[in-house]
N, C-alpha and C. Protein backbone atom coordinates (compact mmCIF):
# COMPACT_ATOMS: atom_id res chain seq x y z
N GLN A 1 -5.65 11.39 13.57
CA GLN A 1 -5.73 12.43 12.56
C GLN A 1 -6.07 11.78 11.23
N SER A 2 -6.80 12.45 10.39
CA SER A 2 -7.08 11.92 9.06
C SER A 2 -6.29 12.71 8.04
N ALA A 3 -6.17 12.14 6.84
CA ALA A 3 -5.44 12.81 5.78
C ALA A 3 -6.11 14.13 5.41
N ASP A 4 -7.42 14.25 5.63
CA ASP A 4 -8.15 15.45 5.28
C ASP A 4 -7.96 16.58 6.29
N SER A 5 -7.44 16.30 7.46
CA SER A 5 -7.30 17.32 8.49
C SER A 5 -6.14 18.26 8.23
N GLY A 6 -5.26 17.89 7.30
CA GLY A 6 -4.10 18.71 7.01
C GLY A 6 -2.94 18.49 7.95
N GLU A 7 -3.12 17.65 8.97
CA GLU A 7 -2.05 17.34 9.91
C GLU A 7 -1.55 15.94 9.66
N ALA A 8 -0.27 15.73 9.92
CA ALA A 8 0.31 14.40 9.77
C ALA A 8 -0.23 13.49 10.87
N PRO A 9 -0.56 12.25 10.53
CA PRO A 9 -1.01 11.31 11.56
C PRO A 9 0.10 11.02 12.55
N ARG A 10 -0.29 10.74 13.77
CA ARG A 10 0.69 10.40 14.81
C ARG A 10 0.50 8.94 15.19
N CYS A 11 1.58 8.20 15.11
CA CYS A 11 1.50 6.76 15.35
C CYS A 11 1.96 6.37 16.74
N SER A 12 2.47 7.29 17.50
CA SER A 12 2.89 7.05 18.88
C SER A 12 3.73 5.80 19.04
N GLY A 13 4.77 5.66 18.24
CA GLY A 13 5.70 4.56 18.40
C GLY A 13 5.24 3.24 17.81
N GLN A 14 4.14 3.22 17.09
CA GLN A 14 3.66 2.00 16.45
C GLN A 14 4.51 1.65 15.25
N VAL A 15 4.77 0.37 15.01
CA VAL A 15 5.37 -0.07 13.76
C VAL A 15 4.25 -0.11 12.74
N VAL A 16 4.37 0.66 11.66
CA VAL A 16 3.30 0.69 10.66
C VAL A 16 3.71 0.05 9.34
N ALA A 17 4.99 -0.19 9.15
CA ALA A 17 5.45 -0.86 7.94
C ALA A 17 6.59 -1.79 8.33
N GLY A 18 6.48 -3.01 7.89
CA GLY A 18 7.48 -4.00 8.29
C GLY A 18 6.92 -4.86 9.40
N GLY A 19 7.74 -5.63 10.01
CA GLY A 19 7.26 -6.51 11.07
C GLY A 19 6.46 -7.66 10.52
N GLN A 20 5.37 -8.00 11.19
CA GLN A 20 4.53 -9.12 10.77
C GLN A 20 3.09 -8.65 10.65
N GLY A 21 2.25 -9.46 10.02
CA GLY A 21 0.84 -9.15 9.89
C GLY A 21 0.54 -8.28 8.69
N GLU A 22 -0.55 -7.55 8.77
CA GLU A 22 -1.05 -6.76 7.66
C GLU A 22 -0.02 -5.78 7.12
N GLY A 23 0.75 -5.16 8.00
CA GLY A 23 1.72 -4.15 7.60
C GLY A 23 3.07 -4.68 7.17
N ALA A 24 3.23 -6.01 7.16
CA ALA A 24 4.51 -6.58 6.76
C ALA A 24 4.72 -6.35 5.27
N LEU A 25 5.86 -5.78 4.92
CA LEU A 25 6.18 -5.55 3.53
C LEU A 25 6.97 -6.72 2.98
N GLY A 26 6.65 -7.11 1.75
CA GLY A 26 7.31 -8.23 1.11
C GLY A 26 8.13 -7.77 -0.08
N ASN A 27 9.39 -7.42 0.18
CA ASN A 27 10.30 -7.01 -0.88
C ASN A 27 9.73 -5.85 -1.70
N PRO A 28 9.50 -4.70 -1.05
CA PRO A 28 8.91 -3.56 -1.77
C PRO A 28 9.82 -3.09 -2.90
N ARG A 29 9.24 -2.93 -4.09
CA ARG A 29 10.01 -2.57 -5.28
C ARG A 29 9.56 -1.27 -5.92
N GLY A 30 8.41 -0.76 -5.53
CA GLY A 30 7.92 0.48 -6.13
C GLY A 30 7.04 1.21 -5.15
N ILE A 31 7.04 2.55 -5.25
CA ILE A 31 6.21 3.36 -4.37
C ILE A 31 5.66 4.53 -5.17
N PHE A 32 4.44 4.93 -4.85
CA PHE A 32 3.79 6.06 -5.51
C PHE A 32 2.95 6.79 -4.47
N VAL A 33 3.02 8.10 -4.43
CA VAL A 33 2.20 8.91 -3.52
C VAL A 33 1.22 9.70 -4.35
N ASP A 34 -0.09 9.53 -4.07
CA ASP A 34 -1.11 10.24 -4.85
C ASP A 34 -1.37 11.64 -4.28
N SER A 35 -2.24 12.37 -4.93
CA SER A 35 -2.51 13.76 -4.54
C SER A 35 -3.22 13.88 -3.19
N HIS A 36 -3.73 12.76 -2.66
CA HIS A 36 -4.40 12.75 -1.35
C HIS A 36 -3.49 12.17 -0.26
N GLN A 37 -2.21 12.05 -0.58
CA GLN A 37 -1.19 11.51 0.33
C GLN A 37 -1.36 10.02 0.60
N GLY A 38 -2.10 9.32 -0.25
CA GLY A 38 -2.15 7.86 -0.17
C GLY A 38 -0.84 7.31 -0.71
N ILE A 39 -0.28 6.34 -0.04
CA ILE A 39 1.00 5.75 -0.44
C ILE A 39 0.72 4.35 -0.98
N TYR A 40 1.10 4.13 -2.24
CA TYR A 40 0.94 2.83 -2.88
C TYR A 40 2.29 2.13 -2.87
N VAL A 41 2.31 0.84 -2.50
CA VAL A 41 3.55 0.07 -2.44
C VAL A 41 3.38 -1.21 -3.26
N ALA A 42 4.28 -1.42 -4.23
CA ALA A 42 4.33 -2.66 -5.00
C ALA A 42 5.27 -3.61 -4.29
N GLU A 43 4.74 -4.76 -3.88
CA GLU A 43 5.52 -5.74 -3.13
C GLU A 43 5.76 -6.99 -3.98
N ALA A 44 7.01 -7.17 -4.39
CA ALA A 44 7.35 -8.26 -5.31
C ALA A 44 7.09 -9.64 -4.72
N SER A 45 7.56 -9.91 -3.50
CA SER A 45 7.45 -11.27 -2.97
C SER A 45 6.06 -11.59 -2.42
N ARG A 46 5.21 -10.58 -2.18
CA ARG A 46 3.85 -10.86 -1.73
C ARG A 46 2.86 -10.74 -2.87
N GLU A 47 3.38 -10.45 -4.08
CA GLU A 47 2.56 -10.40 -5.30
C GLU A 47 1.34 -9.49 -5.12
N ARG A 48 1.58 -8.26 -4.61
CA ARG A 48 0.44 -7.38 -4.35
C ARG A 48 0.86 -5.91 -4.41
N VAL A 49 -0.16 -5.06 -4.51
CA VAL A 49 0.00 -3.62 -4.36
C VAL A 49 -0.96 -3.19 -3.25
N THR A 50 -0.43 -2.46 -2.26
CA THR A 50 -1.26 -1.97 -1.17
C THR A 50 -1.29 -0.45 -1.19
N ARG A 51 -2.36 0.11 -0.62
CA ARG A 51 -2.49 1.55 -0.48
C ARG A 51 -2.57 1.85 1.02
N TRP A 52 -1.73 2.77 1.46
CA TRP A 52 -1.65 3.15 2.87
C TRP A 52 -2.22 4.56 2.99
N VAL A 53 -3.22 4.74 3.83
CA VAL A 53 -3.78 6.07 4.10
C VAL A 53 -3.55 6.40 5.57
N ASP A 54 -3.56 7.66 5.91
CA ASP A 54 -3.33 8.10 7.28
C ASP A 54 -2.04 7.53 7.85
N GLY A 55 -1.04 7.37 7.01
CA GLY A 55 0.25 6.87 7.47
C GLY A 55 0.24 5.42 7.90
N GLY A 56 -0.85 4.69 7.66
CA GLY A 56 -0.94 3.30 8.07
C GLY A 56 -1.18 3.14 9.56
N CYS A 57 -1.49 4.24 10.26
CA CYS A 57 -1.62 4.20 11.72
C CYS A 57 -2.96 3.69 12.22
N LEU A 58 -4.00 3.91 11.46
CA LEU A 58 -5.35 3.62 11.93
C LEU A 58 -5.84 2.26 11.45
N GLU A 59 -6.73 1.66 12.19
CA GLU A 59 -7.34 0.38 11.81
C GLU A 59 -7.96 0.52 10.42
N GLY A 60 -7.66 -0.41 9.54
CA GLY A 60 -8.23 -0.39 8.20
C GLY A 60 -7.57 0.59 7.26
N SER A 61 -6.42 1.14 7.63
CA SER A 61 -5.78 2.15 6.79
C SER A 61 -4.85 1.55 5.74
N ILE A 62 -4.73 0.22 5.69
CA ILE A 62 -3.95 -0.45 4.67
C ILE A 62 -4.92 -1.25 3.80
N GLU A 63 -4.95 -0.92 2.50
CA GLU A 63 -5.94 -1.51 1.60
C GLU A 63 -5.24 -2.26 0.47
N LEU A 64 -5.68 -3.48 0.18
CA LEU A 64 -5.19 -4.24 -0.95
C LEU A 64 -5.84 -3.67 -2.21
N VAL A 65 -5.03 -3.25 -3.19
CA VAL A 65 -5.61 -2.68 -4.41
C VAL A 65 -5.34 -3.52 -5.65
N ALA A 66 -4.37 -4.43 -5.58
CA ALA A 66 -4.10 -5.31 -6.72
C ALA A 66 -3.38 -6.56 -6.22
N GLY A 67 -3.70 -7.71 -6.82
CA GLY A 67 -3.02 -8.96 -6.49
C GLY A 67 -3.35 -9.45 -5.10
N GLY A 68 -2.33 -10.02 -4.44
CA GLY A 68 -2.50 -10.53 -3.09
C GLY A 68 -3.17 -11.89 -3.03
N ARG A 69 -3.33 -12.53 -4.18
CA ARG A 69 -3.99 -13.84 -4.22
C ARG A 69 -3.06 -14.89 -4.81
N GLY A 70 -1.77 -14.72 -4.56
CA GLY A 70 -0.79 -15.67 -5.05
C GLY A 70 -0.34 -15.35 -6.46
N TRP A 71 0.75 -16.01 -6.86
CA TRP A 71 1.32 -15.81 -8.17
C TRP A 71 0.44 -16.43 -9.23
N GLY A 72 0.38 -15.80 -10.38
CA GLY A 72 -0.37 -16.39 -11.49
C GLY A 72 -0.63 -15.39 -12.58
N GLU A 73 -1.40 -15.84 -13.57
CA GLU A 73 -1.71 -15.01 -14.72
C GLU A 73 -3.18 -14.64 -14.79
N GLY A 74 -3.95 -14.94 -13.75
CA GLY A 74 -5.36 -14.59 -13.73
C GLY A 74 -5.56 -13.08 -13.60
N LEU A 75 -6.74 -12.61 -13.94
CA LEU A 75 -7.03 -11.19 -13.85
C LEU A 75 -6.97 -10.67 -12.42
N HIS A 76 -7.11 -11.56 -11.44
CA HIS A 76 -7.07 -11.18 -10.03
C HIS A 76 -5.68 -11.34 -9.42
N GLN A 77 -4.70 -11.67 -10.26
CA GLN A 77 -3.34 -11.92 -9.77
C GLN A 77 -2.34 -11.01 -10.48
N ILE A 78 -1.23 -10.76 -9.81
CA ILE A 78 -0.11 -10.08 -10.44
C ILE A 78 1.15 -10.87 -10.11
N SER A 79 2.19 -10.66 -10.88
CA SER A 79 3.41 -11.43 -10.68
C SER A 79 4.61 -10.50 -10.56
N ASN A 80 5.26 -10.53 -9.38
CA ASN A 80 6.50 -9.81 -9.14
C ASN A 80 6.42 -8.33 -9.54
N PRO A 81 5.47 -7.57 -8.98
CA PRO A 81 5.38 -6.16 -9.36
C PRO A 81 6.64 -5.39 -8.94
N THR A 82 7.15 -4.58 -9.86
CA THR A 82 8.39 -3.84 -9.58
C THR A 82 8.20 -2.34 -9.67
N GLY A 83 7.01 -1.89 -9.98
CA GLY A 83 6.74 -0.46 -10.06
C GLY A 83 5.25 -0.22 -9.94
N ILE A 84 4.89 1.03 -9.80
CA ILE A 84 3.47 1.38 -9.64
C ILE A 84 3.24 2.78 -10.17
N PHE A 85 2.09 2.98 -10.82
CA PHE A 85 1.66 4.31 -11.25
C PHE A 85 0.15 4.38 -11.04
N VAL A 86 -0.32 5.49 -10.53
CA VAL A 86 -1.75 5.72 -10.33
C VAL A 86 -2.10 6.98 -11.10
N ASP A 87 -3.10 6.88 -12.01
CA ASP A 87 -3.45 8.06 -12.80
C ASP A 87 -4.38 8.99 -12.01
N SER A 88 -4.74 10.11 -12.60
CA SER A 88 -5.53 11.13 -11.89
C SER A 88 -6.92 10.66 -11.51
N SER A 89 -7.42 9.59 -12.17
CA SER A 89 -8.73 9.06 -11.79
C SER A 89 -8.64 7.99 -10.72
N GLY A 90 -7.41 7.64 -10.30
CA GLY A 90 -7.22 6.64 -9.26
C GLY A 90 -6.99 5.24 -9.76
N ALA A 91 -6.92 5.06 -11.10
CA ALA A 91 -6.68 3.73 -11.65
C ALA A 91 -5.22 3.34 -11.44
N VAL A 92 -5.01 2.10 -10.97
CA VAL A 92 -3.66 1.59 -10.70
C VAL A 92 -3.12 0.95 -11.96
């Protein structure tokens, strides 16, 4: 199912958050749900913000939107994110 179908995605017993790999959460500290049901998660220990669409059930449904390139002060890095806000234009 897609977010546009109006039905909740069905994961059939799949682990979609936690565990290991792409869906592993690293000390989640903030969450935001946009008007399209995209779920943004700020992960402090993985230094990143991810966006989950379709409940994270489908291949490619977890997207890196900020950080994820290690700790630092560069424009491509974030440090210990503890909250998240997405404006109406989709800017994080």
